[in-house]
Amino acid sequence: MQKITVNLPEIKLVGIKCRTNNKSEQDPNSAKIGSTIQRYFQSSIAEKITNSINPNTTYCVYAEYDSDHNGNYTYFVGEKVSAFSNTPEGIFELIIPAQVYIKFTNGPGAMPNVCISVWQKIWSMTSREFGGARSYLADFEIYDSRAVDPNNTVIDVYVGIN
């Protein structure tokens, strides 16, 4: 797993969302992330998004945290756009704030293990290991051309810090 510090500008996204928490995601009966991703792809949400900057690059965002990684948050899946306009009904807009992020690149590996393993490492890290305290404004994963093969996926995970 590679780790670097990056300063990113604001990122505008359009997609769909749900409200969940990590405890619920560990129980298949209450988990919502998997079904949200499934709905995003099965309903061809990306094709309905106007002003897409990088088609076929999917952002999965954890935002609107109630507290920290133990509390409720909004899970959002969508694409980066140049501007918000003509957003269809039932599809949402989200802004990832400009801030300093720690970027973790993990893989190659099989999904979902490549994603789960990087988050387990992140949750176990101290602020000192991070290089700052987590901000809990927005954290996100990017799935691009390196994630086409589910058995050989590379992902970038960005975690906001103060």
C-alpha atoms as a PDB file:
ATOM      1  CA  MET A   1       0.000   0.000   0.000  1.00  0.00           C
ATOM      2  CA  GLN A   2       1.431   3.359  -1.060  1.00  0.00           C
ATOM      3  CA  LYS A   3       0.663   6.514   0.949  1.00  0.00           C
ATOM      4  CA  ILE A   4       1.177  10.162  -0.067  1.00  0.00           C
ATOM      5  CA  THR A   5      -0.205  13.536   1.036  1.00  0.00           C
ATOM      6  CA  VAL A   6      -2.104  15.565  -1.582  1.00  0.00           C
ATOM      7  CA  ASN A   7      -3.930  18.886  -1.542  1.00  0.00           C
ATOM      8  CA  LEU A   8      -7.058  18.656  -3.716  1.00  0.00           C
ATOM      9  CA  PRO A   9      -9.451  21.336  -4.950  1.00  0.00           C
ATOM     10  CA  GLU A  10     -13.205  21.004  -4.606  1.00  0.00           C
ATOM     11  CA  ILE A  11     -14.689  18.135  -6.620  1.00  0.00           C
ATOM     12  CA  LYS A  12     -18.294  18.186  -7.913  1.00  0.00           C
ATOM     13  CA  LEU A  13     -20.077  14.844  -8.261  1.00  0.00           C
ATOM     14  CA  VAL A  14     -23.464  13.639  -9.468  1.00  0.00           C
ATOM     15  CA  GLY A  15     -24.834  10.223  -8.492  1.00  0.00           C
ATOM     16  CA  ILE A  16     -26.928   8.387  -5.919  1.00  0.00           C
ATOM     17  CA  LYS A  17     -26.614   7.948  -2.169  1.00  0.00           C
ATOM     18  CA  CYS A  18     -27.732   6.191   0.977  1.00  0.00           C
ATOM     19  CA  ARG A  19     -27.311   6.712   4.710  1.00  0.00           C
ATOM     20  CA  THR A  20     -25.491   3.971   6.636  1.00  0.00           C
ATOM     21  CA  ASN A  21     -22.753   3.151   9.163  1.00  0.00           C
ATOM     22  CA  ASN A  22     -19.903   0.645   9.359  1.00  0.00           C
ATOM     23  CA  LYS A  23     -21.661  -1.579  11.894  1.00  0.00           C
ATOM     24  CA  SER A  24     -24.683  -1.969   9.578  1.00  0.00           C
ATOM     25  CA  GLU A  25     -22.368  -2.696   6.646  1.00  0.00           C
ATOM     26  CA  GLN A  26     -20.976  -5.757   8.429  1.00  0.00           C
ATOM     27  CA  ASP A  27     -24.438  -7.396   8.464  1.00  0.00           C
ATOM     28  CA  PRO A  28     -25.769  -8.488   5.037  1.00  0.00           C
ATOM     29  CA  ASN A  29     -29.333  -7.879   6.273  1.00  0.00           C
ATOM     30  CA  SER A  30     -28.715  -4.187   7.014  1.00  0.00           C
ATOM     31  CA  ALA A  31     -25.900  -3.334   4.578  1.00  0.00           C
ATOM     32  CA  LYS A  32     -26.763  -0.642   2.014  1.00  0.00           C
ATOM     33  CA  ILE A  33     -23.520   0.090   0.168  1.00  0.00           C
ATOM     34  CA  GLY A  34     -23.587  -3.026  -2.011  1.00  0.00           C
ATOM     35  CA  SER A  35     -27.183  -2.450  -3.099  1.00  0.00           C
ATOM     36  CA  THR A  36     -26.466   1.239  -3.798  1.00  0.00           C
ATOM     37  CA  ILE A  37     -23.544   0.312  -6.059  1.00  0.00           C
ATOM     38  CA  GLN A  38     -25.640  -2.364  -7.740  1.00  0.00           C
ATOM     39  CA  ARG A  39     -28.478   0.130  -8.375  1.00  0.00           C
ATOM     40  CA  TYR A  40     -25.989   2.676  -9.753  1.00  0.00           C
ATOM     41  CA  PHE A  41     -24.697   0.265 -12.385  1.00  0.00           C
ATOM     42  CA  GLN A  42     -27.881  -1.679 -13.143  1.00  0.00           C
ATOM     43  CA  SER A  43     -29.869   1.542 -13.611  1.00  0.00           C
ATOM     44  CA  SER A  44     -27.111   3.042 -15.805  1.00  0.00           C
ATOM     45  CA  ILE A  45     -27.007   6.175 -13.643  1.00  0.00           C
ATOM     46  CA  ALA A  46     -23.707   7.279 -15.241  1.00  0.00           C
ATOM     47  CA  GLU A  47     -25.416   7.567 -18.625  1.00  0.00           C
ATOM     48  CA  LYS A  48     -27.897  10.056 -17.130  1.00  0.00           C
ATOM     49  CA  ILE A  49     -25.178  12.371 -15.801  1.00  0.00           C
ATOM     50  CA  THR A  50     -24.493  15.496 -17.850  1.00  0.00           C
ATOM     51  CA  ASN A  51     -21.176  17.385 -17.771  1.00  0.00           C
ATOM     52  CA  SER A  52     -19.181  14.279 -16.823  1.00  0.00           C
ATOM     53  CA  ILE A  53     -15.451  14.965 -16.845  1.00  0.00           C
ATOM     54  CA  ASN A  54     -14.054  11.405 -16.744  1.00  0.00           C
ATOM     55  CA  PRO A  55     -16.650   8.903 -17.975  1.00  0.00           C
ATOM     56  CA  ASN A  56     -16.122   5.402 -16.577  1.00  0.00           C
ATOM     57  CA  THR A  57     -14.332   6.752 -13.502  1.00  0.00           C
ATOM     58  CA  THR A  58     -16.504   6.147 -10.461  1.00  0.00           C
ATOM     59  CA  TYR A  59     -16.197   7.973  -7.152  1.00  0.00           C
ATOM     60  CA  CYS A  60     -17.455   6.323  -3.965  1.00  0.00           C
ATOM     61  CA  VAL A  61     -17.661   8.913  -1.194  1.00  0.00           C
ATOM     62  CA  TYR A  62     -18.180   8.795   2.552  1.00  0.00           C
ATOM     63  CA  ALA A  63     -19.490  12.192   3.676  1.00  0.00           C
ATOM     64  CA  GLU A  64     -21.827  13.977   6.094  1.00  0.00           C
ATOM     65  CA  TYR A  65     -20.384  12.042   9.038  1.00  0.00           C
ATOM     66  CA  ASP A  66     -22.328  12.246  12.299  1.00  0.00           C
ATOM     67  CA  SER A  67     -19.088  11.741  14.234  1.00  0.00           C
ATOM     68  CA  ASP A  68     -16.262   9.466  13.098  1.00  0.00           C
ATOM     69  CA  HIS A  69     -15.959   6.091  11.350  1.00  0.00           C
ATOM     70  CA  ASN A  70     -18.199   4.562  14.037  1.00  0.00           C
ATOM     71  CA  GLY A  71     -21.171   6.878  13.375  1.00  0.00           C
ATOM     72  CA  ASN A  72     -23.641   7.315  10.533  1.00  0.00           C
ATOM     73  CA  TYR A  73     -22.512   8.789   7.227  1.00  0.00           C
ATOM     74  CA  THR A  74     -23.767   9.311   3.691  1.00  0.00           C
ATOM     75  CA  TYR A  75     -22.421   6.913   1.100  1.00  0.00           C
ATOM     76  CA  PHE A  76     -22.431   8.413  -2.401  1.00  0.00           C
ATOM     77  CA  VAL A  77     -21.538   6.797  -5.729  1.00  0.00           C
ATOM     78  CA  GLY A  78     -21.220   8.871  -8.897  1.00  0.00           C
ATOM     79  CA  GLU A  79     -19.085  10.689 -11.427  1.00  0.00           C
ATOM     80  CA  LYS A  80     -17.107  13.922 -11.433  1.00  0.00           C
ATOM     81  CA  VAL A  81     -18.779  16.771 -13.322  1.00  0.00           C
ATOM     82  CA  SER A  82     -17.670  20.181 -14.541  1.00  0.00           C
ATOM     83  CA  ALA A  83     -20.894  21.833 -13.360  1.00  0.00           C
ATOM     84  CA  PHE A  84     -24.237  21.041 -11.784  1.00  0.00           C
ATOM     85  CA  SER A  85     -26.975  21.389 -14.396  1.00  0.00           C
ATOM     86  CA  ASN A  86     -29.954  19.369 -15.569  1.00  0.00           C
ATOM     87  CA  THR A  87     -29.557  16.863 -12.742  1.00  0.00           C
ATOM     88  CA  PRO A  88     -32.373  14.323 -13.213  1.00  0.00           C
ATOM     89  CA  GLU A  89     -34.907  13.650 -10.488  1.00  0.00           C
ATOM     90  CA  GLY A  90     -33.736  10.984  -8.036  1.00  0.00           C
ATOM     91  CA  ILE A  91     -30.081  11.757  -8.735  1.00  0.00           C
ATOM     92  CA  PHE A  92     -28.083  13.883  -6.307  1.00  0.00           C
ATOM     93  CA  GLU A  93     -25.248  16.395  -6.292  1.00  0.00           C
ATOM     94  CA  LEU A  94     -22.345  16.292  -3.854  1.00  0.00           C
ATOM     95  CA  ILE A  95     -19.286  18.468  -3.344  1.00  0.00           C
ATOM     96  CA  ILE A  96     -16.119  16.944  -1.980  1.00  0.00           C
ATOM     97  CA  PRO A  97     -14.473  19.863  -0.175  1.00  0.00           C
ATOM     98  CA  ALA A  98     -11.051  21.208  -1.013  1.00  0.00           C
ATOM     99  CA  GLN A  99      -8.691  19.940   1.660  1.00  0.00           C
ATOM    100  CA  VAL A 100      -5.548  17.961   2.395  1.00  0.00           C
ATOM    101  CA  TYR A 101      -5.944  14.223   1.849  1.00  0.00           C
ATOM    102  CA  ILE A 102      -3.821  11.191   2.493  1.00  0.00           C
ATOM    103  CA  LYS A 103      -3.970   9.117  -0.691  1.00  0.00           C
ATOM    104  CA  PHE A 104      -3.622   5.360  -0.279  1.00  0.00           C
ATOM    105  CA  THR A 105      -3.120   3.218  -3.377  1.00  0.00           C
ATOM    106  CA  ASN A 106      -3.924  -0.428  -2.752  1.00  0.00           C
ATOM    107  CA  GLY A 107      -3.779  -3.494  -4.935  1.00  0.00           C
ATOM    108  CA  PRO A 108      -3.778  -5.217  -7.222  1.00  0.00           C
ATOM    109  CA  GLY A 109      -6.213  -7.595  -5.610  1.00  0.00           C
ATOM    110  CA  ALA A 110      -9.697  -9.049  -5.781  1.00  0.00           C
ATOM    111  CA  MET A 111     -12.755  -6.969  -5.000  1.00  0.00           C
ATOM    112  CA  PRO A 112     -14.079  -6.358  -2.424  1.00  0.00           C
ATOM    113  CA  ASN A 113     -11.039  -7.529  -0.426  1.00  0.00           C
ATOM    114  CA  VAL A 114      -8.710  -4.921  -1.956  1.00  0.00           C
ATOM    115  CA  CYS A 115     -11.072  -2.191  -0.697  1.00  0.00           C
ATOM    116  CA  ILE A 116     -11.845  -3.757   2.687  1.00  0.00           C
ATOM    117  CA  SER A 117      -8.173  -4.331   3.512  1.00  0.00           C
ATOM    118  CA  VAL A 118      -7.158  -0.718   2.878  1.00  0.00           C
ATOM    119  CA  TRP A 119      -9.996   0.586   5.083  1.00  0.00           C
ATOM    120  CA  GLN A 120      -9.063  -1.830   7.886  1.00  0.00           C
ATOM    121  CA  LYS A 121      -5.509  -0.466   7.768  1.00  0.00           C
ATOM    122  CA  ILE A 122      -6.793   3.115   7.768  1.00  0.00           C
ATOM    123  CA  TRP A 123      -9.064   2.515  10.778  1.00  0.00           C
ATOM    124  CA  SER A 124      -6.143   1.063  12.745  1.00  0.00           C
ATOM    125  CA  MET A 125      -3.821   4.031  12.080  1.00  0.00           C
ATOM    126  CA  THR A 126      -3.151   6.704  14.670  1.00  0.00           C
ATOM    127  CA  SER A 127      -3.187  10.430  13.843  1.00  0.00           C
ATOM    128  CA  ARG A 128       0.585  10.370  14.059  1.00  0.00           C
ATOM    129  CA  GLU A 129       0.810   7.550  11.490  1.00  0.00           C
ATOM    130  CA  PHE A 130      -1.563   9.519   9.259  1.00  0.00           C
ATOM    131  CA  GLY A 131       0.315  12.763   9.550  1.00  0.00           C
ATOM    132  CA  GLY A 132      -2.725  14.538  11.025  1.00  0.00           C
ATOM    133  CA  ALA A 133      -6.148  13.954  12.523  1.00  0.00           C
ATOM    134  CA  ARG A 134      -8.917  12.809  10.183  1.00  0.00           C
ATOM    135  CA  SER A 135     -11.323  15.626   9.293  1.00  0.00           C
ATOM    136  CA  TYR A 136     -14.407  13.463   8.640  1.00  0.00           C
ATOM    137  CA  LEU A 137     -15.613  15.939   5.994  1.00  0.00           C
ATOM    138  CA  ALA A 138     -15.289  13.543   3.065  1.00  0.00           C
ATOM    139  CA  ASP A 139     -13.281  10.455   2.226  1.00  0.00           C
ATOM    140  CA  PHE A 140     -13.485   8.714  -1.125  1.00  0.00           C
ATOM    141  CA  GLU A 141     -12.391   5.892  -3.382  1.00  0.00           C
ATOM    142  CA  ILE A 142     -11.692   6.213  -7.106  1.00  0.00           C
ATOM    143  CA  TYR A 143     -12.414   3.319  -9.453  1.00  0.00           C
ATOM    144  CA  ASP A 144     -10.905   3.928 -12.892  1.00  0.00           C
ATOM    145  CA  SER A 145      -9.411   1.779 -15.666  1.00  0.00           C
ATOM    146  CA  ARG A 146      -7.310  -0.026 -13.039  1.00  0.00           C
ATOM    147  CA  ALA A 147     -10.540  -1.411 -11.521  1.00  0.00           C
ATOM    148  CA  VAL A 148     -12.054  -3.022 -14.630  1.00  0.00           C
ATOM    149  CA  ASP A 149     -10.911  -6.532 -13.677  1.00  0.00           C
ATOM    150  CA  PRO A 150     -12.577  -7.424 -10.331  1.00  0.00           C
ATOM    151  CA  ASN A 151      -9.868 -10.018  -9.655  1.00  0.00           C
ATOM    152  CA  ASN A 152      -6.995  -7.599 -10.296  1.00  0.00           C
ATOM    153  CA  THR A 153      -8.178  -4.215  -9.004  1.00  0.00           C
ATOM    154  CA  VAL A 154      -6.108  -1.221  -7.967  1.00  0.00           C
ATOM    155  CA  ILE A 155      -7.904   1.596  -6.107  1.00  0.00           C
ATOM    156  CA  ASP A 156      -7.022   4.971  -4.680  1.00  0.00           C
ATOM    157  CA  VAL A 157      -8.540   5.885  -1.318  1.00  0.00           C
ATOM    158  CA  TYR A 158      -8.413   9.525  -0.195  1.00  0.00           C
ATOM    159  CA  VAL A 159      -8.851  10.305   3.503  1.00  0.00           C
ATOM    160  CA  GLY A 160      -9.282  13.941   4.531  1.00  0.00           C
ATOM    161  CA  ILE A 161      -7.097  15.295   7.336  1.00  0.00           C
ATOM    162  CA  ASN A 162      -7.014  18.526   9.313  1.00  0.00           C
END
